[in-house]
Amino acid sequence: MSSSATEVLAGAAVLAAAVAFGAYAVTTTGFSVRDTGYPLSASFRSLEGVTVGTDVRLAGVKVGTVSDIGLNAETYRADMAITMSEGIQIPDDSAIVIASEGLLGGNYVEISPGGSPFYYEAGDEILDTQGSVSLISLLLKYVSGGGSE
């Protein structure tokens, strides 16, 4: 074969590998082009470690994603919009918490369901929130002895 045919074959192999990797990444991450579900919102003191695309979990199962994060200029709190999966009903007395996957793991959003017979509807705001806890702040308090009093 000539060198140009070899280059074409090598380029085709690289392109096929890139397409296969992209398809694998899309199927394993659950990525979708459009958001299906209904929106909810919540306001937090701190959203440290949470970004757009972060999982929203209920009992450890992914039930939604964070779709938007912004600063409320009036309250100086972090406003978060989430998109919940269709068919997942959240009681209207539920709490939403920023949780950590472990000491070195990332953060995710956890919904602690309440017991109300009524459910959040599209566009509602979850009022019972708990922001993220900074592990650095906790370690500094422990090291400096600030938490012993």
N, C-alpha and C. Protein backbone atom coordinates (compact mmCIF):
# COMPACT_ATOMS: atom_id res chain seq x y z
N MET A 1 0.85 -1.19 0.00
CA MET A 1 0.00 0.00 0.00
C MET A 1 0.88 1.23 0.00
N SER A 2 0.34 2.27 -0.58
CA SER A 2 1.07 3.53 -0.57
C SER A 2 0.90 4.21 0.78
N SER A 3 1.75 5.21 1.02
CA SER A 3 1.69 5.88 2.32
C SER A 3 0.40 6.66 2.51
N SER A 4 -0.21 7.18 1.44
CA SER A 4 -1.46 7.93 1.59
C SER A 4 -2.60 6.99 1.97
N ALA A 5 -2.62 5.77 1.44
CA ALA A 5 -3.66 4.80 1.80
C ALA A 5 -3.49 4.38 3.26
N THR A 6 -2.27 4.24 3.71
CA THR A 6 -2.00 3.89 5.11
C THR A 6 -2.46 5.01 6.03
N GLU A 7 -2.21 6.24 5.63
CA GLU A 7 -2.66 7.39 6.43
C GLU A 7 -4.18 7.45 6.50
N VAL A 8 -4.85 7.16 5.40
CA VAL A 8 -6.32 7.17 5.39
C VAL A 8 -6.85 6.08 6.31
N LEU A 9 -6.27 4.88 6.25
CA LEU A 9 -6.71 3.80 7.13
C LEU A 9 -6.45 4.13 8.60
N ALA A 10 -5.30 4.70 8.89
CA ALA A 10 -5.00 5.08 10.27
C ALA A 10 -5.96 6.16 10.76
N GLY A 11 -6.24 7.12 9.90
CA GLY A 11 -7.21 8.18 10.26
C GLY A 11 -8.60 7.62 10.49
N ALA A 12 -9.02 6.67 9.66
CA ALA A 12 -10.33 6.04 9.82
C ALA A 12 -10.40 5.26 11.12
N ALA A 13 -9.31 4.57 11.48
CA ALA A 13 -9.28 3.82 12.73
C ALA A 13 -9.37 4.75 13.93
N VAL A 14 -8.65 5.86 13.88
CA VAL A 14 -8.71 6.84 14.97
C VAL A 14 -10.11 7.43 15.08
N LEU A 15 -10.73 7.76 13.96
CA LEU A 15 -12.08 8.31 13.96
C LEU A 15 -13.09 7.30 14.50
N ALA A 16 -12.95 6.04 14.10
CA ALA A 16 -13.86 5.00 14.61
C ALA A 16 -13.69 4.82 16.12
N ALA A 17 -12.45 4.88 16.61
CA ALA A 17 -12.22 4.77 18.05
C ALA A 17 -12.83 5.96 18.79
N ALA A 18 -12.73 7.15 18.23
CA ALA A 18 -13.31 8.34 18.87
C ALA A 18 -14.83 8.24 18.93
N VAL A 19 -15.45 7.78 17.86
CA VAL A 19 -16.91 7.62 17.85
C VAL A 19 -17.33 6.56 18.85
N ALA A 20 -16.60 5.46 18.91
CA ALA A 20 -16.93 4.40 19.88
C ALA A 20 -16.79 4.91 21.31
N PHE A 21 -15.73 5.66 21.59
CA PHE A 21 -15.55 6.23 22.93
C PHE A 21 -16.68 7.19 23.27
N GLY A 22 -17.07 8.04 22.32
CA GLY A 22 -18.17 8.98 22.55
C GLY A 22 -19.48 8.26 22.83
N ALA A 23 -19.78 7.21 22.06
CA ALA A 23 -21.00 6.45 22.28
C ALA A 23 -20.98 5.78 23.65
N TYR A 24 -19.83 5.23 24.02
CA TYR A 24 -19.70 4.60 25.34
C TYR A 24 -19.91 5.62 26.46
N ALA A 25 -19.31 6.81 26.30
CA ALA A 25 -19.46 7.85 27.33
C ALA A 25 -20.91 8.28 27.47
N VAL A 26 -21.62 8.42 26.37
CA VAL A 26 -23.02 8.85 26.42
C VAL A 26 -23.88 7.78 27.09
N THR A 27 -23.67 6.52 26.77
CA THR A 27 -24.51 5.47 27.35
C THR A 27 -24.22 5.23 28.82
N THR A 28 -22.98 5.34 29.25
CA THR A 28 -22.67 5.06 30.65
C THR A 28 -22.99 6.21 31.58
N THR A 29 -22.99 7.44 31.10
CA THR A 29 -23.28 8.58 31.96
C THR A 29 -24.75 8.93 31.98
N GLY A 30 -25.54 8.37 31.08
CA GLY A 30 -26.96 8.71 31.05
C GLY A 30 -27.22 10.07 30.46
N PHE A 31 -26.28 10.60 29.72
CA PHE A 31 -26.41 11.93 29.11
C PHE A 31 -27.57 11.93 28.13
N SER A 32 -28.35 13.01 28.16
CA SER A 32 -29.42 13.17 27.17
C SER A 32 -29.39 14.59 26.65
N VAL A 33 -29.80 14.74 25.41
CA VAL A 33 -29.77 16.04 24.77
C VAL A 33 -30.83 16.97 25.36
N ARG A 34 -31.96 16.42 25.72
CA ARG A 34 -33.02 17.26 26.28
C ARG A 34 -33.35 16.76 27.69
N ASP A 35 -33.74 17.71 28.52
CA ASP A 35 -34.13 17.36 29.88
C ASP A 35 -35.58 16.92 29.88
N THR A 36 -35.83 15.72 30.37
CA THR A 36 -37.21 15.28 30.53
C THR A 36 -37.50 15.27 32.01
N GLY A 37 -38.60 15.81 32.38
CA GLY A 37 -38.95 15.89 33.78
C GLY A 37 -39.57 17.22 34.10
N TYR A 38 -39.63 17.51 35.38
CA TYR A 38 -40.22 18.77 35.81
C TYR A 38 -39.26 19.53 36.71
N PRO A 39 -39.32 20.87 36.66
CA PRO A 39 -38.36 21.68 37.42
C PRO A 39 -38.81 21.92 38.86
N LEU A 40 -37.84 21.95 39.76
CA LEU A 40 -38.02 22.39 41.14
C LEU A 40 -36.87 23.33 41.46
N SER A 41 -37.02 24.13 42.52
CA SER A 41 -35.94 25.04 42.90
C SER A 41 -35.73 24.97 44.41
N ALA A 42 -34.56 25.46 44.83
CA ALA A 42 -34.22 25.52 46.25
C ALA A 42 -33.17 26.60 46.44
N SER A 43 -33.11 27.15 47.65
CA SER A 43 -32.14 28.20 47.96
C SER A 43 -31.28 27.73 49.13
N PHE A 44 -29.95 27.85 48.97
CA PHE A 44 -29.01 27.34 49.95
C PHE A 44 -28.08 28.43 50.45
N ARG A 45 -27.55 28.25 51.66
CA ARG A 45 -26.52 29.14 52.18
C ARG A 45 -25.22 28.90 51.43
N SER A 46 -24.92 27.65 51.11
CA SER A 46 -23.69 27.31 50.41
C SER A 46 -23.94 26.11 49.50
N LEU A 47 -23.44 26.20 48.26
CA LEU A 47 -23.51 25.09 47.32
C LEU A 47 -22.12 24.60 46.95
N GLU A 48 -21.21 24.67 47.90
CA GLU A 48 -19.83 24.28 47.65
C GLU A 48 -19.76 22.84 47.15
N GLY A 49 -19.10 22.64 46.02
CA GLY A 49 -18.92 21.31 45.46
C GLY A 49 -20.02 20.84 44.55
N VAL A 50 -21.05 21.66 44.34
CA VAL A 50 -22.16 21.28 43.46
C VAL A 50 -22.08 22.13 42.20
N THR A 51 -22.22 21.50 41.05
CA THR A 51 -22.20 22.20 39.76
C THR A 51 -23.40 21.76 38.94
N VAL A 52 -23.60 22.44 37.82
CA VAL A 52 -24.66 22.03 36.90
C VAL A 52 -24.33 20.63 36.40
N GLY A 53 -25.31 19.74 36.47
CA GLY A 53 -25.11 18.35 36.08
C GLY A 53 -24.92 17.41 37.24
N THR A 54 -24.78 17.95 38.45
CA THR A 54 -24.63 17.11 39.65
C THR A 54 -25.89 16.27 39.84
N ASP A 55 -25.71 15.04 40.30
CA ASP A 55 -26.84 14.14 40.53
C ASP A 55 -27.71 14.62 41.68
N VAL A 56 -29.02 14.40 41.54
CA VAL A 56 -29.98 14.55 42.62
C VAL A 56 -30.44 13.13 42.94
N ARG A 57 -30.27 12.71 44.20
CA ARG A 57 -30.56 11.33 44.58
C ARG A 57 -31.63 11.25 45.66
N LEU A 58 -32.35 10.18 45.62
CA LEU A 58 -33.35 9.85 46.64
C LEU A 58 -33.09 8.39 47.01
N ALA A 59 -32.74 8.14 48.26
CA ALA A 59 -32.40 6.80 48.74
C ALA A 59 -31.25 6.20 47.93
N GLY A 60 -30.32 7.04 47.49
CA GLY A 60 -29.16 6.59 46.76
C GLY A 60 -29.38 6.38 45.27
N VAL A 61 -30.60 6.61 44.80
CA VAL A 61 -30.93 6.41 43.39
C VAL A 61 -31.05 7.77 42.71
N LYS A 62 -30.44 7.92 41.55
CA LYS A 62 -30.50 9.18 40.82
C LYS A 62 -31.93 9.42 40.33
N VAL A 63 -32.50 10.57 40.74
CA VAL A 63 -33.88 10.91 40.34
C VAL A 63 -33.94 12.26 39.64
N GLY A 64 -32.79 12.88 39.42
CA GLY A 64 -32.77 14.17 38.74
C GLY A 64 -31.36 14.71 38.64
N THR A 65 -31.26 15.92 38.09
CA THR A 65 -29.97 16.58 37.96
C THR A 65 -30.11 18.07 38.27
N VAL A 66 -29.01 18.67 38.67
CA VAL A 66 -28.97 20.11 38.87
C VAL A 66 -28.90 20.76 37.50
N SER A 67 -29.86 21.64 37.20
CA SER A 67 -29.91 22.24 35.86
C SER A 67 -29.44 23.69 35.83
N ASP A 68 -29.39 24.37 36.97
CA ASP A 68 -28.93 25.75 36.98
C ASP A 68 -28.55 26.16 38.40
N ILE A 69 -27.54 27.02 38.49
CA ILE A 69 -27.09 27.56 39.78
C ILE A 69 -26.85 29.05 39.58
N GLY A 70 -27.31 29.84 40.54
CA GLY A 70 -27.09 31.28 40.46
C GLY A 70 -27.13 31.91 41.84
N LEU A 71 -26.59 33.12 41.92
CA LEU A 71 -26.59 33.86 43.18
C LEU A 71 -27.78 34.80 43.20
N ASN A 72 -28.57 34.75 44.28
CA ASN A 72 -29.67 35.68 44.46
C ASN A 72 -29.09 36.97 45.03
N ALA A 73 -29.15 38.06 44.27
CA ALA A 73 -28.53 39.32 44.66
C ALA A 73 -29.22 39.98 45.85
N GLU A 74 -30.47 39.62 46.12
CA GLU A 74 -31.20 40.22 47.24
C GLU A 74 -30.92 39.50 48.56
N THR A 75 -30.84 38.18 48.52
CA THR A 75 -30.67 37.41 49.75
C THR A 75 -29.24 36.91 49.96
N TYR A 76 -28.40 37.02 48.94
CA TYR A 76 -27.03 36.51 48.97
C TYR A 76 -26.99 35.01 49.27
N ARG A 77 -27.96 34.30 48.74
CA ARG A 77 -28.00 32.85 48.85
C ARG A 77 -27.85 32.25 47.47
N ALA A 78 -27.43 31.01 47.42
CA ALA A 78 -27.26 30.31 46.14
C ALA A 78 -28.59 29.65 45.76
N ASP A 79 -29.11 30.05 44.63
CA ASP A 79 -30.35 29.46 44.13
C ASP A 79 -30.00 28.33 43.16
N MET A 80 -30.69 27.21 43.32
CA MET A 80 -30.44 26.05 42.49
C MET A 80 -31.74 25.59 41.85
N ALA A 81 -31.66 25.28 40.56
CA ALA A 81 -32.79 24.68 39.86
C ALA A 81 -32.44 23.24 39.56
N ILE A 82 -33.38 22.35 39.80
CA ILE A 82 -33.16 20.94 39.50
C ILE A 82 -34.26 20.45 38.57
N THR A 83 -33.93 19.44 37.79
CA THR A 83 -34.91 18.80 36.93
C THR A 83 -35.12 17.39 37.45
N MET A 84 -36.31 17.13 37.93
CA MET A 84 -36.66 15.81 38.46
C MET A 84 -37.17 14.92 37.33
N SER A 85 -36.89 13.64 37.42
CA SER A 85 -37.35 12.67 36.42
C SER A 85 -38.86 12.56 36.46
N GLU A 86 -39.45 12.34 35.29
CA GLU A 86 -40.90 12.13 35.23
C GLU A 86 -41.27 10.90 36.04
N GLY A 87 -42.41 10.95 36.70
CA GLY A 87 -42.89 9.81 37.47
C GLY A 87 -42.39 9.76 38.91
N ILE A 88 -41.44 10.63 39.27
CA ILE A 88 -40.93 10.67 40.63
C ILE A 88 -41.67 11.79 41.36
N GLN A 89 -42.47 11.44 42.36
CA GLN A 89 -43.21 12.43 43.13
C GLN A 89 -42.52 12.62 44.47
N ILE A 90 -42.29 13.88 44.81
CA ILE A 90 -41.60 14.23 46.04
C ILE A 90 -42.62 14.86 47.00
N PRO A 91 -42.80 14.31 48.22
CA PRO A 91 -43.72 14.92 49.18
C PRO A 91 -43.34 16.37 49.47
N ASP A 92 -44.34 17.23 49.67
CA ASP A 92 -44.07 18.66 49.81
C ASP A 92 -43.50 19.07 51.17
N ASP A 93 -43.21 18.12 52.04
CA ASP A 93 -42.51 18.43 53.29
C ASP A 93 -41.11 17.81 53.31
N SER A 94 -40.60 17.49 52.13
CA SER A 94 -39.27 16.88 52.00
C SER A 94 -38.17 17.91 52.20
N ALA A 95 -36.99 17.42 52.56
CA ALA A 95 -35.81 18.28 52.72
C ALA A 95 -34.82 17.96 51.61
N ILE A 96 -34.02 18.95 51.26
CA ILE A 96 -32.99 18.75 50.25
C ILE A 96 -31.65 19.16 50.88
N VAL A 97 -30.65 18.27 50.77
CA VAL A 97 -29.39 18.41 51.48
C VAL A 97 -28.23 18.22 50.51
N ILE A 98 -27.17 19.00 50.69
CA ILE A 98 -25.94 18.77 49.94
C ILE A 98 -25.14 17.75 50.75
N ALA A 99 -24.92 16.58 50.17
CA ALA A 99 -24.23 15.49 50.86
C ALA A 99 -22.92 15.19 50.16
N SER A 100 -22.03 14.52 50.88
CA SER A 100 -20.73 14.15 50.35
C SER A 100 -20.65 12.66 50.14
N GLU A 101 -19.98 12.23 49.07
CA GLU A 101 -19.83 10.81 48.79
C GLU A 101 -18.78 10.15 49.66
N GLY A 102 -18.06 10.93 50.42
CA GLY A 102 -17.01 10.39 51.28
C GLY A 102 -16.00 11.47 51.56
N LEU A 103 -14.94 11.11 52.24
CA LEU A 103 -13.94 12.09 52.62
C LEU A 103 -13.29 12.73 51.41
N LEU A 104 -13.00 11.95 50.38
CA LEU A 104 -12.37 12.48 49.19
C LEU A 104 -13.30 12.52 48.00
N GLY A 105 -14.55 12.10 48.16
CA GLY A 105 -15.50 12.06 47.06
C GLY A 105 -16.13 13.42 46.81
N GLY A 106 -16.88 13.50 45.75
CA GLY A 106 -17.56 14.73 45.40
C GLY A 106 -18.87 14.89 46.16
N ASN A 107 -19.54 15.99 45.92
CA ASN A 107 -20.83 16.24 46.55
C ASN A 107 -21.96 15.90 45.60
N TYR A 108 -23.10 15.63 46.16
CA TYR A 108 -24.32 15.42 45.39
C TYR A 108 -25.48 15.99 46.18
N VAL A 109 -26.64 16.05 45.56
CA VAL A 109 -27.83 16.59 46.20
C VAL A 109 -28.71 15.42 46.62
N GLU A 110 -29.04 15.36 47.90
CA GLU A 110 -29.85 14.27 48.45
C GLU A 110 -31.21 14.81 48.86
N ILE A 111 -32.26 14.13 48.47
CA ILE A 111 -33.61 14.50 48.90
C ILE A 111 -34.03 13.53 49.99
N SER A 112 -34.41 14.09 51.14
CA SER A 112 -34.93 13.29 52.25
C SER A 112 -36.45 13.43 52.23
N PRO A 113 -37.16 12.39 51.83
CA PRO A 113 -38.61 12.52 51.66
C PRO A 113 -39.35 12.69 52.98
N GLY A 114 -40.38 13.48 52.95
CA GLY A 114 -41.24 13.66 54.10
C GLY A 114 -42.40 12.67 54.05
N GLY A 115 -43.40 12.92 54.84
CA GLY A 115 -44.54 12.00 54.91
C GLY A 115 -45.84 12.61 54.44
N SER A 116 -45.80 13.77 53.83
CA SER A 116 -47.01 14.45 53.40
C SER A 116 -47.71 13.70 52.26
N PRO A 117 -49.03 13.73 52.25
CA PRO A 117 -49.75 13.10 51.12
C PRO A 117 -49.79 14.00 49.89
N PHE A 118 -49.27 15.22 50.00
CA PHE A 118 -49.26 16.16 48.89
C PHE A 118 -47.85 16.24 48.30
N TYR A 119 -47.76 16.51 47.01
CA TYR A 119 -46.47 16.46 46.33
C TYR A 119 -46.11 17.80 45.70
N TYR A 120 -44.80 18.02 45.51
CA TYR A 120 -44.35 19.20 44.78
C TYR A 120 -44.80 19.10 43.33
N GLU A 121 -45.15 20.24 42.78
CA GLU A 121 -45.52 20.31 41.38
C GLU A 121 -44.46 21.09 40.63
N ALA A 122 -44.50 21.06 39.33
CA ALA A 122 -43.51 21.74 38.49
C ALA A 122 -43.41 23.22 38.89
N GLY A 123 -42.17 23.66 39.12
CA GLY A 123 -41.92 25.06 39.45
C GLY A 123 -41.94 25.38 40.93
N ASP A 124 -42.30 24.44 41.79
CA ASP A 124 -42.35 24.69 43.23
C ASP A 124 -40.94 24.83 43.80
N GLU A 125 -40.85 25.45 44.99
CA GLU A 125 -39.57 25.62 45.67
C GLU A 125 -39.54 24.75 46.91
N ILE A 126 -38.44 24.02 47.08
CA ILE A 126 -38.23 23.22 48.29
C ILE A 126 -37.65 24.16 49.34
N LEU A 127 -38.35 24.33 50.45
CA LEU A 127 -37.96 25.32 51.46
C LEU A 127 -37.00 24.77 52.51
N ASP A 128 -37.10 23.49 52.81
CA ASP A 128 -36.26 22.88 53.84
C ASP A 128 -34.94 22.46 53.20
N THR A 129 -33.91 23.30 53.36
CA THR A 129 -32.61 23.05 52.73
C THR A 129 -31.49 23.02 53.76
N GLN A 130 -30.43 22.30 53.43
CA GLN A 130 -29.22 22.29 54.24
C GLN A 130 -28.04 22.30 53.29
N GLY A 131 -27.22 23.35 53.40
CA GLY A 131 -26.08 23.52 52.51
C GLY A 131 -24.95 22.57 52.82
N SER A 132 -23.91 22.68 52.03
CA SER A 132 -22.76 21.79 52.19
C SER A 132 -21.92 22.20 53.40
N VAL A 133 -21.26 21.23 53.97
CA VAL A 133 -20.37 21.46 55.10
C VAL A 133 -18.94 21.40 54.57
N SER A 134 -18.17 22.42 54.85
CA SER A 134 -16.79 22.46 54.39
C SER A 134 -15.91 21.61 55.30
N LEU A 135 -15.30 20.57 54.74
CA LEU A 135 -14.43 19.71 55.54
C LEU A 135 -13.19 20.45 56.01
N ILE A 136 -12.73 21.40 55.22
CA ILE A 136 -11.56 22.20 55.61
C ILE A 136 -11.89 23.00 56.87
N SER A 137 -13.06 23.62 56.91
CA SER A 137 -13.46 24.39 58.09
C SER A 137 -13.57 23.51 59.32
N LEU A 138 -14.12 22.32 59.15
CA LEU A 138 -14.24 21.40 60.29
C LEU A 138 -12.86 20.98 60.79
N LEU A 139 -11.96 20.67 59.87
CA LEU A 139 -10.61 20.28 60.29
C LEU A 139 -9.87 21.41 60.98
N LEU A 140 -10.04 22.63 60.47
CA LEU A 140 -9.39 23.78 61.10
C LEU A 140 -9.93 24.02 62.51
N LYS A 141 -11.24 23.86 62.69
CA LYS A 141 -11.82 24.01 64.03
C LYS A 141 -11.27 22.95 64.98
N TYR A 142 -11.16 21.73 64.47
CA TYR A 142 -10.66 20.64 65.32
C TYR A 142 -9.19 20.87 65.69
N VAL A 143 -8.37 21.25 64.73
CA VAL A 143 -6.95 21.44 64.97
C VAL A 143 -6.70 22.61 65.91
N SER A 144 -7.48 23.70 65.72
CA SER A 144 -7.27 24.88 66.57
C SER A 144 -7.95 24.77 67.93
N GLY A 145 -8.73 23.73 68.13
CA GLY A 145 -9.40 23.55 69.42
C GLY A 145 -10.62 24.42 69.58
N GLY A 146 -11.15 24.95 68.46
CA GLY A 146 -12.30 25.85 68.52
C GLY A 146 -13.60 25.14 68.84
N GLY A 147 -13.67 23.84 68.66
CA GLY A 147 -14.91 23.11 68.91
C GLY A 147 -14.98 22.47 70.28
N SER A 148 -13.99 22.70 71.16
CA SER A 148 -13.96 22.00 72.44
C SER A 148 -14.68 22.75 73.56
N GLU A 149 -15.15 23.94 73.30
CA GLU A 149 -15.80 24.72 74.38
C GLU A 149 -17.27 24.48 74.43
